[in-house]
Amino acid sequence: MKPKDASLKAAEICGLAPVVPVLVIDDASTARFLAEALVAGGLPALEVTLRTPAALDAIRAMSEVPGGVVGAGTLLTPADVKAAKAAGALFGVSPGATDKLLKACEDEDLPLLPGAATASEAMRLLERGYTVQKFFPAEASGGAPALKAIGAPIPQIKFCPTGGVTLENAKTYLSLSNTICVGGSWVAPKGLVEAGDWAGIEALAREASQLKG
């Protein structure tokens, strides 16, 4: 998949809702219930981070949920890309970008949201064809003011800021012309997941799905 086509697909996925849940799943047996609650609440695009042993099994389970579009986050290596694609991931997200990682996603036809934190990183990705990128770590990199400043001279890039994004500051990010959506973990807090409070998670998802800048 060419980077331009990958970015068009990434834009389509990011445009499904204002928030993409960033999920760290420790127990794959909860994955389907979690996905069903988030999708029911209006958040169909789900990022499962490859930070736990259960992540790939969680992606497999979530991929069976009607209406869900499941992706793999924290892609670091070509091996991660292959494993994520084999598990059923429909898109990938990375904290940064390397040539090997980009090529692996292109070879596997996996749309990627590559991470960038500076104008130079964003420009390098744009030069390769990536017009939709992840701004990470958002808050630590200067937050919405920094993203707005980067966007002024590079308006052709749309970003999904992630890292420190909350219900409280999400609207500020979403108000920026270069923000397509935000990534956040607050819609699936660990306590509610462990308690199996799927109604509570659905309520948080519904609240997040109504966010506008």
N, C-alpha and C. Protein backbone atom coordinates (compact mmCIF):
# COMPACT_ATOMS: atom_id res chain seq x y z
N MET A 1 0.84 -1.19 0.00
CA MET A 1 0.00 0.00 0.00
C MET A 1 0.88 1.25 0.00
N LYS A 2 0.61 2.14 -0.93
CA LYS A 2 1.38 3.38 -0.99
C LYS A 2 1.01 4.28 0.19
N PRO A 3 2.00 5.05 0.69
CA PRO A 3 1.72 5.92 1.84
C PRO A 3 0.52 6.85 1.63
N LYS A 4 0.36 7.36 0.43
CA LYS A 4 -0.76 8.26 0.16
C LYS A 4 -2.09 7.52 0.36
N ASP A 5 -2.16 6.30 -0.16
CA ASP A 5 -3.38 5.50 0.00
C ASP A 5 -3.59 5.11 1.46
N ALA A 6 -2.48 4.81 2.15
CA ALA A 6 -2.55 4.45 3.56
C ALA A 6 -3.09 5.61 4.39
N SER A 7 -2.64 6.82 4.04
CA SER A 7 -3.10 7.99 4.78
C SER A 7 -4.56 8.29 4.51
N LEU A 8 -5.00 8.04 3.29
CA LEU A 8 -6.42 8.23 2.98
C LEU A 8 -7.27 7.27 3.82
N LYS A 9 -6.81 6.03 3.95
CA LYS A 9 -7.53 5.05 4.76
C LYS A 9 -7.48 5.42 6.24
N ALA A 10 -6.31 5.90 6.68
CA ALA A 10 -6.17 6.32 8.07
C ALA A 10 -7.10 7.49 8.38
N ALA A 11 -7.21 8.41 7.42
CA ALA A 11 -8.10 9.56 7.59
C ALA A 11 -9.54 9.11 7.70
N GLU A 12 -9.89 8.11 6.91
CA GLU A 12 -11.26 7.57 6.95
C GLU A 12 -11.56 6.97 8.32
N ILE A 13 -10.60 6.22 8.85
CA ILE A 13 -10.78 5.58 10.16
C ILE A 13 -10.83 6.64 11.26
N CYS A 14 -9.91 7.61 11.20
CA CYS A 14 -9.87 8.66 12.21
C CYS A 14 -11.13 9.53 12.18
N GLY A 15 -11.77 9.56 11.03
CA GLY A 15 -12.97 10.38 10.89
C GLY A 15 -14.24 9.72 11.40
N LEU A 16 -14.13 8.49 11.87
CA LEU A 16 -15.32 7.77 12.34
C LEU A 16 -15.88 8.35 13.63
N ALA A 17 -15.01 8.92 14.46
CA ALA A 17 -15.43 9.50 15.74
C ALA A 17 -14.34 10.46 16.21
N PRO A 18 -14.69 11.40 17.11
CA PRO A 18 -13.68 12.36 17.57
C PRO A 18 -12.61 11.77 18.47
N VAL A 19 -12.88 10.57 19.02
CA VAL A 19 -11.92 9.94 19.95
C VAL A 19 -11.64 8.50 19.53
N VAL A 20 -10.36 8.15 19.51
CA VAL A 20 -9.93 6.76 19.31
C VAL A 20 -9.45 6.25 20.67
N PRO A 21 -10.16 5.31 21.27
CA PRO A 21 -9.73 4.78 22.56
C PRO A 21 -8.36 4.10 22.44
N VAL A 22 -7.46 4.43 23.36
CA VAL A 22 -6.15 3.80 23.42
C VAL A 22 -6.21 2.79 24.56
N LEU A 23 -6.12 1.51 24.22
CA LEU A 23 -6.44 0.44 25.16
C LEU A 23 -5.22 -0.41 25.51
N VAL A 24 -4.98 -0.54 26.81
CA VAL A 24 -3.95 -1.45 27.32
C VAL A 24 -4.70 -2.60 27.99
N ILE A 25 -4.69 -3.76 27.35
CA ILE A 25 -5.53 -4.88 27.81
C ILE A 25 -4.67 -5.98 28.43
N ASP A 26 -4.97 -6.27 29.70
CA ASP A 26 -4.22 -7.30 30.42
C ASP A 26 -4.88 -8.67 30.33
N ASP A 27 -6.18 -8.69 30.13
CA ASP A 27 -6.93 -9.95 30.11
C ASP A 27 -7.76 -10.01 28.82
N ALA A 28 -7.37 -10.87 27.91
CA ALA A 28 -8.04 -10.94 26.61
C ALA A 28 -9.50 -11.36 26.72
N SER A 29 -9.87 -11.99 27.85
CA SER A 29 -11.26 -12.44 27.99
C SER A 29 -12.22 -11.26 28.14
N THR A 30 -11.70 -10.09 28.45
CA THR A 30 -12.55 -8.90 28.58
C THR A 30 -12.66 -8.14 27.26
N ALA A 31 -11.84 -8.49 26.29
CA ALA A 31 -11.70 -7.68 25.09
C ALA A 31 -13.00 -7.50 24.31
N ARG A 32 -13.70 -8.59 24.08
CA ARG A 32 -14.93 -8.48 23.29
C ARG A 32 -15.97 -7.60 23.98
N PHE A 33 -16.13 -7.79 25.30
CA PHE A 33 -17.09 -6.98 26.05
C PHE A 33 -16.71 -5.50 26.00
N LEU A 34 -15.42 -5.24 26.12
CA LEU A 34 -14.93 -3.87 26.07
C LEU A 34 -15.20 -3.24 24.71
N ALA A 35 -14.91 -3.99 23.66
CA ALA A 35 -15.13 -3.48 22.30
C ALA A 35 -16.62 -3.22 22.06
N GLU A 36 -17.45 -4.14 22.51
CA GLU A 36 -18.90 -3.97 22.32
C GLU A 36 -19.40 -2.71 23.02
N ALA A 37 -18.89 -2.44 24.23
CA ALA A 37 -19.32 -1.26 24.97
C ALA A 37 -18.87 0.02 24.28
N LEU A 38 -17.63 0.04 23.80
CA LEU A 38 -17.10 1.24 23.14
C LEU A 38 -17.81 1.51 21.82
N VAL A 39 -18.03 0.46 21.05
CA VAL A 39 -18.72 0.61 19.78
C VAL A 39 -20.17 1.07 20.00
N ALA A 40 -20.82 0.47 20.99
CA ALA A 40 -22.21 0.86 21.32
C ALA A 40 -22.28 2.33 21.74
N GLY A 41 -21.20 2.81 22.37
CA GLY A 41 -21.15 4.20 22.80
C GLY A 41 -20.78 5.17 21.70
N GLY A 42 -20.49 4.66 20.51
CA GLY A 42 -20.20 5.54 19.39
C GLY A 42 -18.74 5.72 19.05
N LEU A 43 -17.88 4.84 19.57
CA LEU A 43 -16.45 4.91 19.26
C LEU A 43 -16.02 3.61 18.57
N PRO A 44 -16.14 3.54 17.25
CA PRO A 44 -15.85 2.29 16.54
C PRO A 44 -14.37 2.00 16.30
N ALA A 45 -13.54 3.03 16.20
CA ALA A 45 -12.11 2.82 15.93
C ALA A 45 -11.39 2.60 17.25
N LEU A 46 -10.76 1.45 17.40
CA LEU A 46 -10.16 1.06 18.67
C LEU A 46 -8.68 0.74 18.49
N GLU A 47 -7.84 1.33 19.31
CA GLU A 47 -6.40 1.06 19.25
C GLU A 47 -5.99 0.20 20.43
N VAL A 48 -5.59 -1.03 20.16
CA VAL A 48 -5.09 -1.93 21.20
C VAL A 48 -3.57 -1.87 21.19
N THR A 49 -2.99 -1.38 22.26
CA THR A 49 -1.54 -1.23 22.28
C THR A 49 -0.86 -2.58 22.52
N LEU A 50 0.24 -2.79 21.82
CA LEU A 50 0.98 -4.05 21.97
C LEU A 50 1.94 -3.96 23.16
N ARG A 51 1.37 -3.67 24.32
CA ARG A 51 2.19 -3.51 25.52
C ARG A 51 2.01 -4.66 26.51
N THR A 52 1.11 -5.56 26.20
CA THR A 52 0.87 -6.68 27.11
C THR A 52 0.84 -7.99 26.32
N PRO A 53 1.07 -9.12 27.01
CA PRO A 53 1.03 -10.42 26.34
C PRO A 53 -0.35 -10.73 25.77
N ALA A 54 -1.39 -10.08 26.30
CA ALA A 54 -2.76 -10.37 25.87
C ALA A 54 -3.18 -9.57 24.63
N ALA A 55 -2.36 -8.64 24.19
CA ALA A 55 -2.77 -7.69 23.16
C ALA A 55 -3.22 -8.35 21.85
N LEU A 56 -2.45 -9.28 21.34
CA LEU A 56 -2.80 -9.89 20.06
C LEU A 56 -4.09 -10.71 20.15
N ASP A 57 -4.26 -11.43 21.26
CA ASP A 57 -5.50 -12.18 21.45
C ASP A 57 -6.68 -11.21 21.59
N ALA A 58 -6.44 -10.07 22.21
CA ALA A 58 -7.48 -9.07 22.35
C ALA A 58 -7.90 -8.53 20.98
N ILE A 59 -6.93 -8.29 20.12
CA ILE A 59 -7.23 -7.81 18.77
C ILE A 59 -8.07 -8.84 18.02
N ARG A 60 -7.71 -10.12 18.16
CA ARG A 60 -8.47 -11.19 17.50
C ARG A 60 -9.93 -11.18 17.97
N ALA A 61 -10.13 -11.05 19.28
CA ALA A 61 -11.47 -11.07 19.84
C ALA A 61 -12.26 -9.83 19.41
N MET A 62 -11.62 -8.68 19.45
CA MET A 62 -12.30 -7.43 19.10
C MET A 62 -12.64 -7.36 17.62
N SER A 63 -11.85 -8.03 16.81
CA SER A 63 -12.08 -8.00 15.37
C SER A 63 -13.40 -8.65 14.99
N GLU A 64 -13.97 -9.44 15.89
CA GLU A 64 -15.23 -10.13 15.62
C GLU A 64 -16.46 -9.30 16.01
N VAL A 65 -16.22 -8.12 16.61
CA VAL A 65 -17.33 -7.28 17.07
C VAL A 65 -17.88 -6.46 15.90
N PRO A 66 -19.16 -6.62 15.58
CA PRO A 66 -19.75 -5.87 14.47
C PRO A 66 -19.63 -4.36 14.68
N GLY A 67 -19.22 -3.67 13.63
CA GLY A 67 -19.12 -2.21 13.70
C GLY A 67 -17.79 -1.69 14.20
N GLY A 68 -16.96 -2.59 14.72
CA GLY A 68 -15.67 -2.17 15.24
C GLY A 68 -14.59 -2.14 14.16
N VAL A 69 -13.66 -1.22 14.30
CA VAL A 69 -12.49 -1.14 13.42
C VAL A 69 -11.28 -1.16 14.35
N VAL A 70 -10.65 -2.32 14.44
CA VAL A 70 -9.62 -2.53 15.45
C VAL A 70 -8.22 -2.37 14.86
N GLY A 71 -7.41 -1.60 15.57
CA GLY A 71 -6.04 -1.38 15.14
C GLY A 71 -5.06 -1.75 16.24
N ALA A 72 -3.79 -1.79 15.88
CA ALA A 72 -2.74 -2.13 16.83
C ALA A 72 -1.86 -0.92 17.07
N GLY A 73 -1.67 -0.59 18.34
CA GLY A 73 -0.80 0.53 18.68
C GLY A 73 0.54 0.06 19.18
N THR A 74 1.42 1.01 19.38
CA THR A 74 2.78 0.75 19.84
C THR A 74 3.52 -0.19 18.90
N LEU A 75 3.30 -0.04 17.61
CA LEU A 75 4.07 -0.80 16.63
C LEU A 75 5.50 -0.26 16.61
N LEU A 76 6.46 -1.12 16.85
CA LEU A 76 7.86 -0.70 16.92
C LEU A 76 8.75 -1.36 15.87
N THR A 77 8.39 -2.58 15.46
CA THR A 77 9.24 -3.36 14.57
C THR A 77 8.43 -3.98 13.44
N PRO A 78 9.10 -4.41 12.38
CA PRO A 78 8.40 -5.15 11.32
C PRO A 78 7.70 -6.39 11.85
N ALA A 79 8.28 -7.04 12.86
CA ALA A 79 7.64 -8.22 13.45
C ALA A 79 6.32 -7.85 14.11
N ASP A 80 6.28 -6.69 14.75
CA ASP A 80 5.03 -6.20 15.35
C ASP A 80 3.96 -6.03 14.28
N VAL A 81 4.37 -5.48 13.15
CA VAL A 81 3.43 -5.21 12.06
C VAL A 81 2.83 -6.51 11.54
N LYS A 82 3.68 -7.50 11.30
CA LYS A 82 3.20 -8.79 10.79
C LYS A 82 2.27 -9.47 11.78
N ALA A 83 2.64 -9.42 13.06
CA ALA A 83 1.82 -10.07 14.08
C ALA A 83 0.47 -9.38 14.22
N ALA A 84 0.48 -8.05 14.15
CA ALA A 84 -0.77 -7.29 14.27
C ALA A 84 -1.69 -7.57 13.09
N LYS A 85 -1.13 -7.59 11.90
CA LYS A 85 -1.93 -7.85 10.70
C LYS A 85 -2.51 -9.27 10.76
N ALA A 86 -1.70 -10.23 11.18
CA ALA A 86 -2.17 -11.62 11.28
C ALA A 86 -3.28 -11.77 12.31
N ALA A 87 -3.27 -10.92 13.34
CA ALA A 87 -4.28 -10.99 14.40
C ALA A 87 -5.59 -10.33 13.98
N GLY A 88 -5.55 -9.60 12.86
CA GLY A 88 -6.78 -8.98 12.38
C GLY A 88 -6.82 -7.47 12.47
N ALA A 89 -5.70 -6.85 12.83
CA ALA A 89 -5.66 -5.39 12.90
C ALA A 89 -5.92 -4.77 11.53
N LEU A 90 -6.74 -3.74 11.49
CA LEU A 90 -7.08 -3.06 10.24
C LEU A 90 -6.28 -1.78 10.05
N PHE A 91 -5.59 -1.34 11.10
CA PHE A 91 -4.71 -0.18 11.00
C PHE A 91 -3.66 -0.27 12.10
N GLY A 92 -2.62 0.53 11.97
CA GLY A 92 -1.56 0.53 12.97
C GLY A 92 -1.26 1.93 13.44
N VAL A 93 -0.70 2.02 14.64
CA VAL A 93 -0.30 3.30 15.22
C VAL A 93 1.08 3.11 15.83
N SER A 94 1.96 4.09 15.61
CA SER A 94 3.30 3.99 16.18
C SER A 94 3.65 5.27 16.92
N PRO A 95 4.47 5.16 17.97
CA PRO A 95 4.86 6.36 18.73
C PRO A 95 5.80 7.27 17.95
N GLY A 96 6.52 6.67 17.01
CA GLY A 96 7.43 7.42 16.15
C GLY A 96 7.44 6.75 14.79
N ALA A 97 8.50 6.93 14.03
CA ALA A 97 8.56 6.30 12.71
C ALA A 97 10.00 6.03 12.31
N THR A 98 10.23 4.82 11.80
CA THR A 98 11.53 4.47 11.22
C THR A 98 11.28 3.96 9.81
N ASP A 99 12.30 4.00 8.99
CA ASP A 99 12.14 3.53 7.62
C ASP A 99 11.71 2.07 7.57
N LYS A 100 12.29 1.24 8.48
CA LYS A 100 11.93 -0.18 8.50
C LYS A 100 10.47 -0.38 8.86
N LEU A 101 9.99 0.39 9.83
CA LEU A 101 8.60 0.25 10.25
C LEU A 101 7.65 0.72 9.16
N LEU A 102 7.96 1.83 8.55
CA LEU A 102 7.12 2.36 7.47
C LEU A 102 7.04 1.37 6.31
N LYS A 103 8.20 0.82 5.94
CA LYS A 103 8.23 -0.14 4.82
C LYS A 103 7.43 -1.39 5.16
N ALA A 104 7.55 -1.84 6.40
CA ALA A 104 6.81 -3.05 6.81
C ALA A 104 5.31 -2.84 6.68
N CYS A 105 4.82 -1.68 7.12
CA CYS A 105 3.39 -1.39 7.02
C CYS A 105 2.97 -1.28 5.55
N GLU A 106 3.81 -0.67 4.74
CA GLU A 106 3.51 -0.53 3.32
C GLU A 106 3.48 -1.91 2.65
N ASP A 107 4.42 -2.77 3.02
CA ASP A 107 4.48 -4.12 2.43
C ASP A 107 3.30 -4.98 2.87
N GLU A 108 2.82 -4.76 4.10
CA GLU A 108 1.72 -5.56 4.65
C GLU A 108 0.35 -4.95 4.34
N ASP A 109 0.34 -3.83 3.63
CA ASP A 109 -0.92 -3.12 3.33
C ASP A 109 -1.67 -2.77 4.61
N LEU A 110 -0.94 -2.32 5.61
CA LEU A 110 -1.54 -1.91 6.88
C LEU A 110 -1.48 -0.39 6.99
N PRO A 111 -2.62 0.28 6.92
CA PRO A 111 -2.63 1.74 7.07
C PRO A 111 -2.01 2.13 8.41
N LEU A 112 -1.12 3.11 8.39
CA LEU A 112 -0.38 3.47 9.59
C LEU A 112 -0.60 4.93 9.96
N LEU A 113 -0.75 5.16 11.27
CA LEU A 113 -0.76 6.50 11.83
C LEU A 113 0.61 6.65 12.50
N PRO A 114 1.60 7.17 11.78
CA PRO A 114 2.95 7.26 12.33
C PRO A 114 3.10 8.45 13.26
N GLY A 115 3.90 8.27 14.31
CA GLY A 115 4.06 9.32 15.30
C GLY A 115 5.09 10.36 14.91
N ALA A 116 4.79 11.62 15.26
CA ALA A 116 5.71 12.73 15.06
C ALA A 116 5.50 13.72 16.18
N ALA A 117 6.59 14.35 16.62
CA ALA A 117 6.49 15.32 17.71
C ALA A 117 7.07 16.68 17.34
N THR A 118 7.75 16.73 16.20
CA THR A 118 8.38 17.99 15.77
C THR A 118 8.04 18.27 14.31
N ALA A 119 8.29 19.49 13.90
CA ALA A 119 8.04 19.88 12.52
C ALA A 119 8.90 19.06 11.56
N SER A 120 10.14 18.80 11.94
CA SER A 120 11.03 18.03 11.06
C SER A 120 10.54 16.61 10.88
N GLU A 121 10.10 15.99 11.98
CA GLU A 121 9.57 14.62 11.88
C GLU A 121 8.32 14.60 11.01
N ALA A 122 7.46 15.58 11.21
CA ALA A 122 6.23 15.64 10.42
C ALA A 122 6.54 15.86 8.95
N MET A 123 7.52 16.69 8.65
CA MET A 123 7.90 16.97 7.26
C MET A 123 8.50 15.75 6.59
N ARG A 124 9.29 14.99 7.32
CA ARG A 124 9.89 13.78 6.73
C ARG A 124 8.79 12.78 6.35
N LEU A 125 7.80 12.64 7.23
CA LEU A 125 6.70 11.73 6.94
C LEU A 125 5.86 12.25 5.78
N LEU A 126 5.64 13.54 5.74
CA LEU A 126 4.89 14.15 4.63
C LEU A 126 5.61 13.93 3.31
N GLU A 127 6.93 14.05 3.34
CA GLU A 127 7.75 13.85 2.15
C GLU A 127 7.58 12.44 1.59
N ARG A 128 7.32 11.50 2.48
CA ARG A 128 7.14 10.11 2.06
C ARG A 128 5.69 9.84 1.62
N GLY A 129 4.78 10.76 2.00
CA GLY A 129 3.38 10.59 1.57
C GLY A 129 2.38 10.48 2.69
N TYR A 130 2.85 10.57 3.95
CA TYR A 130 1.95 10.43 5.09
C TYR A 130 1.35 11.78 5.47
N THR A 131 0.09 11.97 5.13
CA THR A 131 -0.59 13.24 5.39
C THR A 131 -1.44 13.20 6.66
N VAL A 132 -1.56 12.02 7.28
CA VAL A 132 -2.26 11.87 8.56
C VAL A 132 -1.28 11.23 9.53
N GLN A 133 -1.04 11.92 10.66
CA GLN A 133 -0.02 11.47 11.59
C GLN A 133 -0.51 11.57 13.03
N LYS A 134 0.19 10.88 13.91
CA LYS A 134 -0.09 10.94 15.34
C LYS A 134 0.85 11.96 15.97
N PHE A 135 0.32 12.93 16.71
CA PHE A 135 1.14 13.89 17.44
C PHE A 135 1.36 13.32 18.83
N PHE A 136 2.58 12.86 19.09
CA PHE A 136 2.87 12.15 20.34
C PHE A 136 4.27 12.45 20.83
N PRO A 137 4.47 12.58 22.16
CA PRO A 137 3.44 12.66 23.21
C PRO A 137 2.87 14.08 23.25
N ALA A 138 1.58 14.20 23.07
CA ALA A 138 0.94 15.49 22.84
C ALA A 138 1.20 16.51 23.94
N GLU A 139 0.80 16.20 25.15
CA GLU A 139 0.93 17.17 26.24
C GLU A 139 2.40 17.46 26.56
N ALA A 140 3.23 16.42 26.58
CA ALA A 140 4.65 16.60 26.89
C ALA A 140 5.39 17.37 25.80
N SER A 141 4.81 17.39 24.60
CA SER A 141 5.44 18.08 23.47
C SER A 141 4.93 19.51 23.30
N GLY A 142 4.18 19.99 24.28
CA GLY A 142 3.71 21.37 24.20
C GLY A 142 2.21 21.52 24.07
N GLY A 143 1.51 20.40 23.96
CA GLY A 143 0.06 20.43 23.92
C GLY A 143 -0.53 21.10 22.69
N ALA A 144 -1.75 21.58 22.85
CA ALA A 144 -2.47 22.18 21.73
C ALA A 144 -1.75 23.40 21.14
N PRO A 145 -1.13 24.26 21.96
CA PRO A 145 -0.41 25.40 21.37
C PRO A 145 0.71 24.96 20.42
N ALA A 146 1.43 23.90 20.80
CA ALA A 146 2.51 23.40 19.95
C ALA A 146 1.95 22.82 18.66
N LEU A 147 0.86 22.07 18.77
CA LEU A 147 0.27 21.46 17.59
C LEU A 147 -0.27 22.54 16.64
N LYS A 148 -0.86 23.57 17.21
CA LYS A 148 -1.36 24.68 16.40
C LYS A 148 -0.22 25.37 15.68
N ALA A 149 0.91 25.55 16.37
CA ALA A 149 2.07 26.22 15.78
C ALA A 149 2.67 25.38 14.65
N ILE A 150 2.74 24.07 14.85
CA ILE A 150 3.27 23.18 13.81
C ILE A 150 2.35 23.20 12.59
N GLY A 151 1.05 23.27 12.84
CA GLY A 151 0.09 23.22 11.75
C GLY A 151 0.08 24.45 10.87
N ALA A 152 0.48 25.58 11.42
CA ALA A 152 0.42 26.82 10.63
C ALA A 152 1.23 26.74 9.33
N PRO A 153 2.50 26.30 9.38
CA PRO A 153 3.28 26.22 8.13
C PRO A 153 3.11 24.90 7.38
N ILE A 154 2.44 23.90 8.01
CA ILE A 154 2.26 22.59 7.36
C ILE A 154 0.78 22.22 7.41
N PRO A 155 -0.07 22.99 6.77
CA PRO A 155 -1.51 22.76 6.88
C PRO A 155 -1.99 21.49 6.19
N GLN A 156 -1.15 20.89 5.35
CA GLN A 156 -1.59 19.69 4.62
C GLN A 156 -1.55 18.42 5.46
N ILE A 157 -1.04 18.52 6.70
CA ILE A 157 -1.00 17.36 7.59
C ILE A 157 -2.11 17.46 8.62
N LYS A 158 -2.85 16.36 8.82
CA LYS A 158 -3.84 16.25 9.89
C LYS A 158 -3.27 15.34 10.96
N PHE A 159 -3.56 15.68 12.22
CA PHE A 159 -2.98 14.93 13.34
C PHE A 159 -4.03 14.33 14.25
N CYS A 160 -3.61 13.23 14.91
CA CYS A 160 -4.37 12.64 16.00
C CYS A 160 -3.49 12.78 17.24
N PRO A 161 -3.67 13.85 18.03
CA PRO A 161 -2.84 14.00 19.22
C PRO A 161 -3.17 12.95 20.27
N THR A 162 -2.13 12.37 20.84
CA THR A 162 -2.27 11.29 21.83
C THR A 162 -1.17 11.45 22.87
N GLY A 163 -1.52 11.15 24.11
CA GLY A 163 -0.54 11.26 25.19
C GLY A 163 -0.89 12.41 26.10
N GLY A 164 -1.58 12.11 27.19
CA GLY A 164 -1.99 13.16 28.10
C GLY A 164 -3.30 13.84 27.71
N VAL A 165 -3.96 13.31 26.69
CA VAL A 165 -5.24 13.87 26.27
C VAL A 165 -6.33 13.35 27.21
N THR A 166 -7.18 14.28 27.67
CA THR A 166 -8.24 13.94 28.61
C THR A 166 -9.57 14.50 28.12
N LEU A 167 -10.62 14.14 28.81
CA LEU A 167 -11.93 14.70 28.49
C LEU A 167 -11.89 16.22 28.58
N GLU A 168 -11.11 16.72 29.55
CA GLU A 168 -11.06 18.16 29.79
C GLU A 168 -10.32 18.93 28.69
N ASN A 169 -9.24 18.37 28.16
CA ASN A 169 -8.48 19.13 27.14
C ASN A 169 -8.74 18.68 25.71
N ALA A 170 -9.54 17.63 25.54
CA ALA A 170 -9.79 17.11 24.19
C ALA A 170 -10.44 18.15 23.29
N LYS A 171 -11.36 18.94 23.84
CA LYS A 171 -12.05 19.94 23.02
C LYS A 171 -11.09 20.97 22.46
N THR A 172 -10.07 21.31 23.25
CA THR A 172 -9.08 22.30 22.78
C THR A 172 -8.34 21.75 21.57
N TYR A 173 -7.94 20.48 21.65
CA TYR A 173 -7.26 19.86 20.50
C TYR A 173 -8.20 19.78 19.30
N LEU A 174 -9.43 19.35 19.55
CA LEU A 174 -10.38 19.15 18.45
C LEU A 174 -10.78 20.46 17.78
N SER A 175 -10.55 21.58 18.46
CA SER A 175 -10.88 22.87 17.86
C SER A 175 -9.84 23.31 16.83
N LEU A 176 -8.70 22.64 16.81
CA LEU A 176 -7.64 23.00 15.87
C LEU A 176 -7.96 22.49 14.46
N SER A 177 -7.64 23.28 13.47
CA SER A 177 -7.95 22.89 12.09
C SER A 177 -7.14 21.70 11.62
N ASN A 178 -6.00 21.42 12.27
CA ASN A 178 -5.16 20.30 11.84
C ASN A 178 -5.34 19.06 12.72
N THR A 179 -6.39 19.04 13.55
CA THR A 179 -6.68 17.86 14.36
C THR A 179 -7.87 17.11 13.77
N ILE A 180 -7.66 15.85 13.45
CA ILE A 180 -8.73 15.04 12.85
C ILE A 180 -9.49 14.26 13.93
N CYS A 181 -8.79 13.89 15.01
CA CYS A 181 -9.40 13.20 16.15
C CYS A 181 -8.35 13.20 17.25
N VAL A 182 -8.69 12.67 18.41
CA VAL A 182 -7.71 12.54 19.49
C VAL A 182 -7.68 11.09 19.94
N GLY A 183 -6.56 10.69 20.53
CA GLY A 183 -6.45 9.36 21.11
C GLY A 183 -6.43 9.49 22.61
N GLY A 184 -7.24 8.67 23.30
CA GLY A 184 -7.28 8.79 24.75
C GLY A 184 -7.65 7.50 25.44
N SER A 185 -7.16 7.36 26.66
CA SER A 185 -7.42 6.14 27.43
C SER A 185 -8.50 6.33 28.48
N TRP A 186 -8.97 7.56 28.66
CA TRP A 186 -9.91 7.82 29.75
C TRP A 186 -11.26 7.14 29.54
N VAL A 187 -11.57 6.76 28.31
CA VAL A 187 -12.88 6.14 28.05
C VAL A 187 -12.94 4.68 28.51
N ALA A 188 -11.80 4.11 28.85
CA ALA A 188 -11.78 2.72 29.32
C ALA A 188 -10.85 2.60 30.53
N PRO A 189 -11.22 3.25 31.63
CA PRO A 189 -10.35 3.20 32.83
C PRO A 189 -10.21 1.78 33.36
N LYS A 190 -9.03 1.50 33.87
CA LYS A 190 -8.71 0.15 34.33
C LYS A 190 -9.70 -0.37 35.36
N GLY A 191 -10.13 0.52 36.27
CA GLY A 191 -11.06 0.10 37.32
C GLY A 191 -12.38 -0.41 36.77
N LEU A 192 -12.90 0.29 35.75
CA LEU A 192 -14.18 -0.13 35.17
C LEU A 192 -14.02 -1.43 34.38
N VAL A 193 -12.89 -1.56 33.70
CA VAL A 193 -12.64 -2.80 32.93
C VAL A 193 -12.55 -3.99 33.88
N GLU A 194 -11.78 -3.83 34.96
CA GLU A 194 -11.61 -4.93 35.91
C GLU A 194 -12.92 -5.28 36.61
N ALA A 195 -13.78 -4.27 36.79
CA ALA A 195 -15.07 -4.51 37.44
C ALA A 195 -16.12 -5.03 36.47
N GLY A 196 -15.77 -5.03 35.16
CA GLY A 196 -16.74 -5.46 34.16
C GLY A 196 -17.92 -4.51 34.04
N ASP A 197 -17.66 -3.23 34.31
CA ASP A 197 -18.71 -2.22 34.24
C ASP A 197 -18.83 -1.71 32.80
N TRP A 198 -19.40 -2.55 31.95
CA TRP A 198 -19.48 -2.22 30.53
C TRP A 198 -20.47 -1.08 30.27
N ALA A 199 -21.49 -0.97 31.10
CA ALA A 199 -22.44 0.13 30.96
C ALA A 199 -21.75 1.46 31.27
N GLY A 200 -20.87 1.44 32.27
CA GLY A 200 -20.13 2.65 32.61
C GLY A 200 -19.19 3.07 31.49
N ILE A 201 -18.54 2.09 30.87
CA ILE A 201 -17.64 2.38 29.76
C ILE A 201 -18.42 2.87 28.55
N GLU A 202 -19.57 2.26 28.31
CA GLU A 202 -20.42 2.73 27.20
C GLU A 202 -20.84 4.18 27.40
N ALA A 203 -21.14 4.54 28.64
CA ALA A 203 -21.53 5.92 28.95
C ALA A 203 -20.37 6.89 28.70
N LEU A 204 -19.16 6.49 29.09
CA LEU A 204 -17.99 7.34 28.84
C LEU A 204 -17.74 7.48 27.34
N ALA A 205 -17.93 6.39 26.63
CA ALA A 205 -17.74 6.41 25.17
C ALA A 205 -18.76 7.33 24.52
N ARG A 206 -19.99 7.26 24.97
CA ARG A 206 -21.03 8.09 24.38
C ARG A 206 -20.73 9.58 24.61
N GLU A 207 -20.25 9.89 25.81
CA GLU A 207 -19.86 11.27 26.12
C GLU A 207 -18.73 11.73 25.20
N ALA A 208 -17.76 10.86 25.02
CA ALA A 208 -16.61 11.20 24.16
C ALA A 208 -17.02 11.33 22.70
N SER A 209 -17.99 10.53 22.28
CA SER A 209 -18.41 10.56 20.88
C SER A 209 -19.10 11.87 20.50
N GLN A 210 -19.54 12.60 21.51
CA GLN A 210 -20.23 13.87 21.26
C GLN A 210 -19.30 15.08 21.32
N LEU A 211 -18.02 14.84 21.60
CA LEU A 211 -17.07 15.94 21.71
C LEU A 211 -16.89 16.66 20.38
N LYS A 212 -16.83 17.96 20.46
CA LYS A 212 -16.54 18.79 19.29
C LYS A 212 -15.62 19.90 19.72
N GLY A 213 -14.83 20.38 18.77
CA GLY A 213 -13.91 21.46 19.10
C GLY A 213 -14.62 22.80 19.19
